[in-house]
PDB file of N, CA and C in Angstrom:
ATOM      1  N   MET A   1     -67.578 208.985 -58.505  1.00  0.00           N
ATOM      2  CA  MET A   1     -66.543 209.405 -59.636  1.00  0.00           C
ATOM      3  C   MET A   1     -65.432 209.917 -58.686  1.00  0.00           C
ATOM      4  N   VAL A   2     -63.925 209.880 -59.583  1.00  0.00           N
ATOM      5  CA  VAL A   2     -63.234 210.123 -58.889  1.00  0.00           C
ATOM      6  C   VAL A   2     -62.485 211.461 -59.702  1.00  0.00           C
ATOM      7  N   GLU A   3     -62.809 212.167 -58.700  1.00  0.00           N
ATOM      8  CA  GLU A   3     -61.769 214.037 -59.236  1.00  0.00           C
ATOM      9  C   GLU A   3     -60.415 214.039 -59.150  1.00  0.00           C
ATOM     10  N   LEU A   4     -59.738 214.486 -60.624  1.00  0.00           N
ATOM     11  CA  LEU A   4     -58.467 214.887 -59.930  1.00  0.00           C
ATOM     12  C   LEU A   4     -58.291 216.132 -59.796  1.00  0.00           C
ATOM     13  N   ASN A   5     -56.947 216.091 -58.648  1.00  0.00           N
ATOM     14  CA  ASN A   5     -56.625 217.564 -58.231  1.00  0.00           C
ATOM     15  C   ASN A   5     -55.746 218.013 -58.932  1.00  0.00           C
ATOM     16  N   TRP A   6     -56.174 219.174 -59.986  1.00  0.00           N
ATOM     17  CA  TRP A   6     -55.054 219.591 -60.776  1.00  0.00           C
ATOM     18  C   TRP A   6     -53.912 220.378 -60.497  1.00  0.00           C
ATOM     19  N   LYS A   7     -54.469 221.000 -59.122  1.00  0.00           N
ATOM     20  CA  LYS A   7     -52.957 221.638 -58.716  1.00  0.00           C
ATOM     21  C   LYS A   7     -51.831 221.013 -58.720  1.00  0.00           C
ATOM     22  N   LYS A   8     -51.956 219.542 -57.844  1.00  0.00           N
ATOM     23  CA  LYS A   8     -51.155 218.751 -57.665  1.00  0.00           C
ATOM     24  C   LYS A   8     -50.483 218.270 -58.659  1.00  0.00           C
ATOM     25  N   TYR A   9     -51.065 217.974 -60.416  1.00  0.00           N
ATOM     26  CA  TYR A   9     -50.490 217.864 -61.072  1.00  0.00           C
ATOM     27  C   TYR A   9     -49.905 218.529 -62.158  1.00  0.00           C
ATOM     28  N   ARG A  10     -50.570 219.562 -61.705  1.00  0.00           N
ATOM     29  CA  ARG A  10     -49.651 221.268 -62.586  1.00  0.00           C
ATOM     30  C   ARG A  10     -48.305 221.416 -62.788  1.00  0.00           C
ATOM     31  N   THR A  11     -47.365 221.103 -61.946  1.00  0.00           N
ATOM     32  CA  THR A  11     -46.173 221.048 -61.869  1.00  0.00           C
ATOM     33  C   THR A  11     -45.963 220.110 -62.959  1.00  0.00           C
ATOM     34  N   TRP A  12     -46.336 219.236 -63.156  1.00  0.00           N
ATOM     35  CA  TRP A  12     -45.716 217.984 -63.691  1.00  0.00           C
ATOM     36  C   TRP A  12     -46.126 217.943 -65.438  1.00  0.00           C
ATOM     37  N   ILE A  13     -47.428 218.560 -65.081  1.00  0.00           N
ATOM     38  CA  ILE A  13     -48.183 219.269 -66.724  1.00  0.00           C
ATOM     39  C   ILE A  13     -47.322 219.867 -67.239  1.00  0.00           C
ATOM     40  N   VAL A  14     -46.783 220.791 -66.552  1.00  0.00           N
ATOM     41  CA  VAL A  14     -45.898 222.098 -67.111  1.00  0.00           C
ATOM     42  C   VAL A  14     -44.261 221.928 -67.370  1.00  0.00           C
ATOM     43  N   LEU A  15     -43.655 220.881 -66.348  1.00  0.00           N
ATOM     44  CA  LEU A  15     -42.592 220.441 -66.830  1.00  0.00           C
ATOM     45  C   LEU A  15     -42.734 219.435 -67.877  1.00  0.00           C
ATOM     46  N   THR A  16     -43.738 218.767 -68.239  1.00  0.00           N
ATOM     47  CA  THR A  16     -43.759 218.200 -69.346  1.00  0.00           C
ATOM     48  C   THR A  16     -43.679 218.802 -70.496  1.00  0.00           C
ATOM     49  N   LEU A  17     -44.740 219.685 -70.773  1.00  0.00           N
ATOM     50  CA  LEU A  17     -44.992 220.325 -72.175  1.00  0.00           C
ATOM     51  C   LEU A  17     -43.551 221.436 -72.309  1.00  0.00           C
ATOM     52  N   LEU A  18     -43.087 221.533 -71.073  1.00  0.00           N
ATOM     53  CA  LEU A  18     -41.504 222.616 -71.688  1.00  0.00           C
ATOM     54  C   LEU A  18     -40.474 221.528 -72.020  1.00  0.00           C
ATOM     55  N   PHE A  19     -40.518 220.171 -71.330  1.00  0.00           N
ATOM     56  CA  PHE A  19     -39.939 219.241 -71.549  1.00  0.00           C
ATOM     57  C   PHE A  19     -39.757 218.597 -73.476  1.00  0.00           C
ATOM     58  N   VAL A  20     -41.116 218.903 -73.592  1.00  0.00           N
ATOM     59  CA  VAL A  20     -41.415 218.548 -75.380  1.00  0.00           C
ATOM     60  C   VAL A  20     -41.018 219.572 -76.147  1.00  0.00           C
ATOM     61  N   VAL A  21     -41.511 220.732 -75.741  1.00  0.00           N
ATOM     62  CA  VAL A  21     -41.204 222.015 -76.631  1.00  0.00           C
ATOM     63  C   VAL A  21     -39.722 222.108 -76.672  1.00  0.00           C
ATOM     64  N   PHE A  22     -39.103 221.841 -75.780  1.00  0.00           N
ATOM     65  CA  PHE A  22     -37.345 222.184 -75.823  1.00  0.00           C
ATOM     66  C   PHE A  22     -36.801 220.738 -76.438  1.00  0.00           C
ATOM     67  N   ILE A  23     -37.597 219.721 -76.652  1.00  0.00           N
ATOM     68  CA  ILE A  23     -37.151 218.699 -77.441  1.00  0.00           C
ATOM     69  C   ILE A  23     -37.269 218.803 -79.413  1.00  0.00           C
ATOM     70  N   LEU A  24     -38.869 219.459 -79.243  1.00  0.00           N
ATOM     71  CA  LEU A  24     -38.528 219.706 -80.882  1.00  0.00           C
ATOM     72  C   LEU A  24     -38.101 221.063 -81.208  1.00  0.00           C
ATOM     73  N   PHE A  25     -37.777 221.794 -80.414  1.00  0.00           N
ATOM     74  CA  PHE A  25     -37.533 223.480 -80.618  1.00  0.00           C
ATOM     75  C   PHE A  25     -36.291 222.946 -80.728  1.00  0.00           C
ATOM     76  N   PHE A  26     -35.464 222.888 -79.474  1.00  0.00           N
ATOM     77  CA  PHE A  26     -34.141 223.553 -79.342  1.00  0.00           C
ATOM     78  C   PHE A  26     -33.230 222.174 -79.070  1.00  0.00           C
ATOM     79  N   ALA A  27     -33.802 221.396 -79.107  1.00  0.00           N
ATOM     80  CA  ALA A  27     -32.446 220.346 -79.067  1.00  0.00           C
ATOM     81  C   ALA A  27     -31.715 220.330 -80.126  1.00  0.00           C
ATOM     82  N   ARG A  28     -30.915 219.537 -80.418  1.00  0.00           N
ATOM     83  CA  ARG A  28     -29.372 219.315 -81.432  1.00  0.00           C
ATOM     84  C   ARG A  28     -30.404 218.742 -82.850  1.00  0.00           C
ATOM     85  N   HIS A  29     -30.675 217.659 -82.531  1.00  0.00           N
ATOM     86  CA  HIS A  29     -31.752 217.062 -83.604  1.00  0.00           C
ATOM     87  C   HIS A  29     -33.213 217.261 -83.284  1.00  0.00           C
ATOM     88  N   THR A  30     -33.852 218.505 -83.653  1.00  0.00           N
ATOM     89  CA  THR A  30     -35.004 218.714 -83.839  1.00  0.00           C
ATOM     90  C   THR A  30     -36.165 217.886 -84.989  1.00  0.00           C
ATOM     91  N   LEU A  31     -36.948 217.863 -84.560  1.00  0.00           N
ATOM     92  CA  LEU A  31     -37.649 216.475 -85.483  1.00  0.00           C
ATOM     93  C   LEU A  31     -38.015 217.729 -86.873  1.00  0.00           C
ATOM     94  N   ILE A  32     -38.257 219.117 -86.450  1.00  0.00           N
ATOM     95  CA  ILE A  32     -38.097 220.256 -87.972  1.00  0.00           C
ATOM     96  C   ILE A  32     -36.830 219.749 -88.708  1.00  0.00           C
ATOM     97  N   ASP A  33     -35.686 219.551 -88.129  1.00  0.00           N
ATOM     98  CA  ASP A  33     -34.273 219.008 -88.973  1.00  0.00           C
ATOM     99  C   ASP A  33     -34.544 217.617 -89.849  1.00  0.00           C
ATOM    100  N   ALA A  34     -35.511 216.786 -88.943  1.00  0.00           N
ATOM    101  CA  ALA A  34     -35.085 215.436 -89.564  1.00  0.00           C
ATOM    102  C   ALA A  34     -36.828 215.329 -90.599  1.00  0.00           C
ATOM    103  N   TRP A  35     -37.589 216.195 -90.511  1.00  0.00           N
ATOM    104  CA  TRP A  35     -38.176 216.096 -91.665  1.00  0.00           C
ATOM    105  C   TRP A  35     -37.583 217.294 -92.884  1.00  0.00           C
ATOM    106  N   ARG A  36     -36.713 218.075 -92.762  1.00  0.00           N
ATOM    107  CA  ARG A  36     -35.935 218.888 -93.561  1.00  0.00           C
ATOM    108  C   ARG A  36     -35.123 217.765 -94.205  1.00  0.00           C
ATOM    109  N   LEU A  37     -34.677 217.069 -93.500  1.00  0.00           N
ATOM    110  CA  LEU A  37     -33.377 216.262 -94.082  1.00  0.00           C
ATOM    111  C   LEU A  37     -34.115 214.734 -94.655  1.00  0.00           C
ATOM    112  N   LYS A  38     -35.443 214.710 -94.222  1.00  0.00           N
ATOM    113  CA  LYS A  38     -36.101 213.287 -94.893  1.00  0.00           C
ATOM    114  C   LYS A  38     -36.508 214.076 -96.235  1.00  0.00           C
ATOM    115  N   HIS A  39     -37.017 215.418 -96.611  1.00  0.00           N
ATOM    116  CA  HIS A  39     -37.411 215.801 -98.007  1.00  0.00           C
ATOM    117  C   HIS A  39     -36.528 216.346 -98.912  1.00  0.00           C
ATOM    118  N   ARG A  40     -35.144 216.402 -97.948  1.00  0.00           N
ATOM    119  CA  ARG A  40     -34.006 216.652 -98.914  1.00  0.00           C
ATOM    120  C   ARG A  40     -33.579 215.376 -99.401  1.00  0.00           C
ATOM    121  N   ILE A  41     -33.593 214.119 -98.641  1.00  0.00           N
ATOM    122  CA  ILE A  41     -33.233 212.677 -99.157  1.00  0.00           C
ATOM    123  C   ILE A  41     -34.217 212.499-100.057  1.00  0.00           C
ATOM    124  N   LYS A  42     -35.929 212.515 -99.869  1.00  0.00           N
ATOM    125  CA  LYS A  42     -36.245 212.402-100.909  1.00  0.00           C
ATOM    126  C   LYS A  42     -36.062 213.366-102.596  1.00  0.00           C
ATOM    127  N   VAL A  43     -35.682 214.114-102.177  1.00  0.00           N
ATOM    128  CA  VAL A  43     -35.271 215.030-103.883  1.00  0.00           C
ATOM    129  C   VAL A  43     -33.800 214.559-104.023  1.00  0.00           C
ATOM    130  N   MET A  44     -33.012 214.094-103.367  1.00  0.00           N
ATOM    131  CA  MET A  44     -31.981 213.221-103.547  1.00  0.00           C
ATOM    132  C   MET A  44     -31.985 212.033-104.337  1.00  0.00           C
ATOM    133  N   ARG A  45     -32.867 211.358-104.391  1.00  0.00           N
ATOM    134  CA  ARG A  45     -33.497 210.248-104.579  1.00  0.00           C
ATOM    135  C   ARG A  45     -33.889 210.044-106.148  1.00  0.00           C
ATOM    136  N   GLN A  46     -35.045 211.202-105.852  1.00  0.00           N
ATOM    137  CA  GLN A  46     -35.068 211.450-107.063  1.00  0.00           C
ATOM    138  C   GLN A  46     -34.468 212.483-108.509  1.00  0.00           C
ATOM    139  N   GLU A  47     -33.024 213.301-107.949  1.00  0.00           N
ATOM    140  CA  GLU A  47     -32.349 213.545-108.815  1.00  0.00           C
ATOM    141  C   GLU A  47     -31.660 211.872-109.265  1.00  0.00           C
ATOM    142  N   GLN A  48     -30.981 210.952-108.204  1.00  0.00           N
ATOM    143  CA  GLN A  48     -30.070 210.328-108.005  1.00  0.00           C
ATOM    144  C   GLN A  48     -31.053 209.415-109.626  1.00  0.00           C
ATOM    145  N   GLN A  49     -32.157 209.418-109.404  1.00  0.00           N
ATOM    146  CA  GLN A  49     -32.793 208.162-110.719  1.00  0.00           C
ATOM    147  C   GLN A  49     -32.969 209.133-111.883  1.00  0.00           C
ATOM    148  N   TYR A  50     -32.891 210.519-112.067  1.00  0.00           N
ATOM    149  CA  TYR A  50     -32.613 211.202-112.953  1.00  0.00           C
ATOM    150  C   TYR A  50     -31.529 211.233-114.300  1.00  0.00           C
ATOM    151  N   TYR A  51     -30.310 211.212-112.950  1.00  0.00           N
ATOM    152  CA  TYR A  51     -29.400 211.111-113.559  1.00  0.00           C
ATOM    153  C   TYR A  51     -28.886 209.520-114.039  1.00  0.00           C
ATOM    154  N   ARG A  52     -29.383 208.550-113.221  1.00  0.00           N
ATOM    155  CA  ARG A  52     -29.113 207.197-113.591  1.00  0.00           C
ATOM    156  C   ARG A  52     -29.797 207.054-115.002  1.00  0.00           C
ATOM    157  N   MET A  53     -31.222 207.835-115.455  1.00  0.00           N
ATOM    158  CA  MET A  53     -31.846 207.386-116.455  1.00  0.00           C
ATOM    159  C   MET A  53     -30.626 208.114-117.671  1.00  0.00           C
ATOM    160  N   LYS A  54     -30.336 209.362-117.446  1.00  0.00           N
ATOM    161  CA  LYS A  54     -29.147 210.203-118.269  1.00  0.00           C
ATOM    162  C   LYS A  54     -28.037 209.621-118.706  1.00  0.00           C
ATOM    163  N   ALA A  55     -27.400 208.621-117.887  1.00  0.00           N
ATOM    164  CA  ALA A  55     -26.523 208.180-118.043  1.00  0.00           C
ATOM    165  C   ALA A  55     -26.570 206.687-118.945  1.00  0.00           C
ATOM    166  N   ARG A  56     -28.008 205.796-118.508  1.00  0.00           N
ATOM    167  CA  ARG A  56     -28.098 204.859-119.438  1.00  0.00           C
ATOM    168  C   ARG A  56     -28.401 205.855-121.108  1.00  0.00           C
ATOM    169  N   GLU A  57     -28.957 206.565-121.383  1.00  0.00           N
ATOM    170  CA  GLU A  57     -29.199 207.239-122.683  1.00  0.00           C
ATOM    171  C   GLU A  57     -27.620 207.897-122.977  1.00  0.00           C
ATOM    172  N   ASP A  58     -26.981 208.106-122.309  1.00  0.00           N
ATOM    173  CA  ASP A  58     -25.622 208.525-123.144  1.00  0.00           C
ATOM    174  C   ASP A  58     -24.687 207.396-123.657  1.00  0.00           C
ATOM    175  N   SER A  59     -24.524 206.512-122.623  1.00  0.00           N
ATOM    176  CA  SER A  59     -24.448 204.909-122.889  1.00  0.00           C
ATOM    177  C   SER A  59     -24.728 204.351-124.324  1.00  0.00           C
ATOM    178  N   LEU A  60     -26.026 204.212-124.368  1.00  0.00           N
ATOM    179  CA  LEU A  60     -26.576 203.787-125.532  1.00  0.00           C
ATOM    180  C   LEU A  60     -26.075 204.766-126.735  1.00  0.00           C
ATOM    181  N   PHE A  61     -26.081 206.333-126.490  1.00  0.00           N
ATOM    182  CA  PHE A  61     -26.131 207.179-127.229  1.00  0.00           C
ATOM    183  C   PHE A  61     -24.352 206.906-128.233  1.00  0.00           C
ATOM    184  N   LEU A  62     -23.110 206.427-126.981  1.00  0.00           N
ATOM    185  CA  LEU A  62     -21.705 206.252-127.073  1.00  0.00           C
ATOM    186  C   LEU A  62     -21.951 205.138-128.081  1.00  0.00           C
ATOM    187  N   GLU A  63     -22.440 203.786-127.561  1.00  0.00           N
ATOM    188  CA  GLU A  63     -22.743 202.663-128.464  1.00  0.00           C
ATOM    189  C   GLU A  63     -22.990 202.979-129.611  1.00  0.00           C
ATOM    190  N   ASN A  64     -23.963 203.701-129.778  1.00  0.00           N
ATOM    191  CA  ASN A  64     -24.691 204.055-131.328  1.00  0.00           C
ATOM    192  C   ASN A  64     -23.290 204.932-132.459  1.00  0.00           C
ATOM    193  N   LEU A  65     -22.937 205.369-131.540  1.00  0.00           N
ATOM    194  CA  LEU A  65     -21.421 206.402-131.985  1.00  0.00           C
ATOM    195  C   LEU A  65     -20.331 205.217-132.912  1.00  0.00           C
ATOM    196  N   LYS A  66     -20.539 204.261-132.568  1.00  0.00           N
ATOM    197  CA  LYS A  66     -19.612 203.500-132.614  1.00  0.00           C
ATOM    198  C   LYS A  66     -19.994 202.842-134.272  1.00  0.00           C
ATOM    199  N   ASP A  67     -21.383 202.938-134.722  1.00  0.00           N
ATOM    200  CA  ASP A  67     -21.846 202.191-136.039  1.00  0.00           C
ATOM    201  C   ASP A  67     -21.571 203.487-136.828  1.00  0.00           C
ATOM    202  N   ASP A  68     -21.002 203.012-137.906  1.00  0.00           N
ATOM    203  CA  ASP A  68     -20.534 204.310-138.931  1.00  0.00           C
ATOM    204  C   ASP A  68     -21.763 204.948-139.543  1.00  0.00           C
ATOM    205  N   GLU A  69     -23.120 204.411-139.804  1.00  0.00           N
ATOM    206  CA  GLU A  69     -24.112 204.994-140.361  1.00  0.00           C
ATOM    207  C   GLU A  69     -25.124 205.451-139.292  1.00  0.00           C
ATOM    208  N   PHE A  70     -25.098 205.583-138.256  1.00  0.00           N
ATOM    209  CA  PHE A  70     -25.584 206.526-137.242  1.00  0.00           C
ATOM    210  C   PHE A  70     -24.443 207.564-136.948  1.00  0.00           C
ATOM    211  N   LEU A  71     -22.924 207.349-137.202  1.00  0.00           N
ATOM    212  CA  LEU A  71     -22.460 208.319-137.089  1.00  0.00           C
ATOM    213  C   LEU A  71     -22.400 209.640-137.839  1.00  0.00           C
ATOM    214  N   GLU A  72     -22.376 208.710-138.970  1.00  0.00           N
ATOM    215  CA  GLU A  72     -22.830 210.104-140.314  1.00  0.00           C
ATOM    216  C   GLU A  72     -24.335 210.496-140.427  1.00  0.00           C
ATOM    217  N   LYS A  73     -25.208 209.901-139.956  1.00  0.00           N
ATOM    218  CA  LYS A  73     -26.798 210.647-139.951  1.00  0.00           C
ATOM    219  C   LYS A  73     -26.535 211.437-139.093  1.00  0.00           C
ATOM    220  N   TYR A  74     -25.950 211.343-137.835  1.00  0.00           N
ATOM    221  CA  TYR A  74     -25.590 212.872-136.611  1.00  0.00           C
ATOM    222  C   TYR A  74     -24.428 213.578-137.028  1.00  0.00           C
ATOM    223  N   ALA A  75     -23.756 213.094-138.018  1.00  0.00           N
ATOM    224  CA  ALA A  75     -23.149 214.372-138.076  1.00  0.00           C
ATOM    225  C   ALA A  75     -24.056 215.539-139.457  1.00  0.00           C
ATOM    226  N   ARG A  76     -24.323 214.922-140.210  1.00  0.00           N
ATOM    227  CA  ARG A  76     -25.670 214.782-141.105  1.00  0.00           C
ATOM    228  C   ARG A  76     -26.266 216.420-140.453  1.00  0.00           C
ATOM    229  N   GLU A  77     -26.857 215.428-139.214  1.00  0.00           N
ATOM    230  CA  GLU A  77     -28.161 216.395-139.373  1.00  0.00           C
ATOM    231  C   GLU A  77     -28.117 217.632-138.175  1.00  0.00           C
ATOM    232  N   LYS A  78     -26.946 217.287-137.054  1.00  0.00           N
ATOM    233  CA  LYS A  78     -26.123 218.090-135.967  1.00  0.00           C
ATOM    234  C   LYS A  78     -25.168 219.411-136.441  1.00  0.00           C
ATOM    235  N   PHE A  79     -24.529 218.774-137.574  1.00  0.00           N
ATOM    236  CA  PHE A  79     -22.889 219.508-137.594  1.00  0.00           C
ATOM    237  C   PHE A  79     -23.141 220.393-139.361  1.00  0.00           C
ATOM    238  N   TYR A  80     -24.244 219.345-139.910  1.00  0.00           N
ATOM    239  CA  TYR A  80     -24.520 220.430-141.103  1.00  0.00           C
ATOM    240  C   TYR A  80     -23.388 219.717-142.540  1.00  0.00           C
ATOM    241  N   MET A  81     -22.884 218.308-142.064  1.00  0.00           N
ATOM    242  CA  MET A  81     -22.108 217.813-142.844  1.00  0.00           C
ATOM    243  C   MET A  81     -22.473 217.204-143.663  1.00  0.00           C
ATOM    244  N   LYS A  82     -21.757 217.173-145.370  1.00  0.00           N
ATOM    245  CA  LYS A  82     -22.232 216.695-146.416  1.00  0.00           C
ATOM    246  C   LYS A  82     -21.282 215.878-147.067  1.00  0.00           C
ATOM    247  N   ARG A  83     -21.660 215.154-147.939  1.00  0.00           N
ATOM    248  CA  ARG A  83     -20.773 214.293-148.951  1.00  0.00           C
ATOM    249  C   ARG A  83     -20.091 215.270-149.494  1.00  0.00           C
ATOM    250  N   PRO A  84     -18.774 214.430-150.460  1.00  0.00           N
ATOM    251  CA  PRO A  84     -18.180 216.094-151.534  1.00  0.00           C
ATOM    252  C   PRO A  84     -19.171 215.580-152.451  1.00  0.00           C
ATOM    253  N   GLY A  85     -19.499 216.966-153.206  1.00  0.00           N
ATOM    254  CA  GLY A  85     -20.797 216.996-154.263  1.00  0.00           C
ATOM    255  C   GLY A  85     -21.793 217.265-154.230  1.00  0.00           C
ATOM    256  N   GLU A  86     -22.088 217.378-152.934  1.00  0.00           N
ATOM    257  CA  GLU A  86     -23.812 217.463-152.269  1.00  0.00           C
ATOM    258  C   GLU A  86     -23.804 218.907-151.755  1.00  0.00           C
ATOM    259  N   GLU A  87     -25.089 219.620-151.960  1.00  0.00           N
ATOM    260  CA  GLU A  87     -25.241 220.979-151.548  1.00  0.00           C
ATOM    261  C   GLU A  87     -26.024 220.641-150.557  1.00  0.00           C
ATOM    262  N   ILE A  88     -26.167 221.351-149.378  1.00  0.00           N
ATOM    263  CA  ILE A  88     -27.042 221.578-148.212  1.00  0.00           C
ATOM    264  C   ILE A  88     -27.988 222.640-148.635  1.00  0.00           C
ATOM    265  N   TYR A  89     -29.235 222.663-148.106  1.00  0.00           N
ATOM    266  CA  TYR A  89     -30.052 223.733-148.052  1.00  0.00           C
ATOM    267  C   TYR A  89     -30.910 223.704-146.823  1.00  0.00           C
ATOM    268  N   LEU A  90     -30.644 225.006-145.989  1.00  0.00           N
ATOM    269  CA  LEU A  90     -31.630 225.168-144.811  1.00  0.00           C
ATOM    270  C   LEU A  90     -32.551 226.188-144.745  1.00  0.00           C
ATOM    271  N   LEU A  91     -33.844 225.258-144.263  1.00  0.00           N
ATOM    272  CA  LEU A  91     -35.361 225.813-144.431  1.00  0.00           C
ATOM    273  C   LEU A  91     -35.078 226.600-142.999  1.00  0.00           C
ATOM    274  N   GLU A  92     -35.519 227.875-142.994  1.00  0.00           N
ATOM    275  CA  GLU A  92     -35.944 228.249-141.923  1.00  0.00           C
ATOM    276  C   GLU A  92     -37.614 228.324-141.723  1.00  0.00           C
ATOM    277  N   GLU A  93     -38.474 228.017-140.570  1.00  0.00           N
ATOM    278  CA  GLU A  93     -39.456 228.025-140.524  1.00  0.00           C
ATOM    279  C   GLU A  93     -40.044 229.687-139.791  1.00  0.00           C
ATOM    280  N   GLU A  94     -41.569 229.970-140.422  1.00  0.00           N
ATOM    281  CA  GLU A  94     -41.246 231.241-140.094  1.00  0.00           C
ATOM    282  C   GLU A  94     -42.445 231.344-139.232  1.00  0.00           C
TER     283      GLU A  94
END
């Protein structure tokens, strides 16, 4: 069985460990920064998906506003508008 002479390799092991520590924490673009950026990209993609969905909903709503029946219904529900001669009663829930 071959025994390793640790004294012979100790310098190289220490230098390698110092290099790894330097690369992980002190280099300009560290792995920690890369992980943070990866997480940020993931969050931004989720936000992008949300805003695309909202844009689709808004474009559908704008298309519906071109229809007179939808526009009248929306005005009655949201702005409590009425036709001449009509009365509106607002009921509050307790």
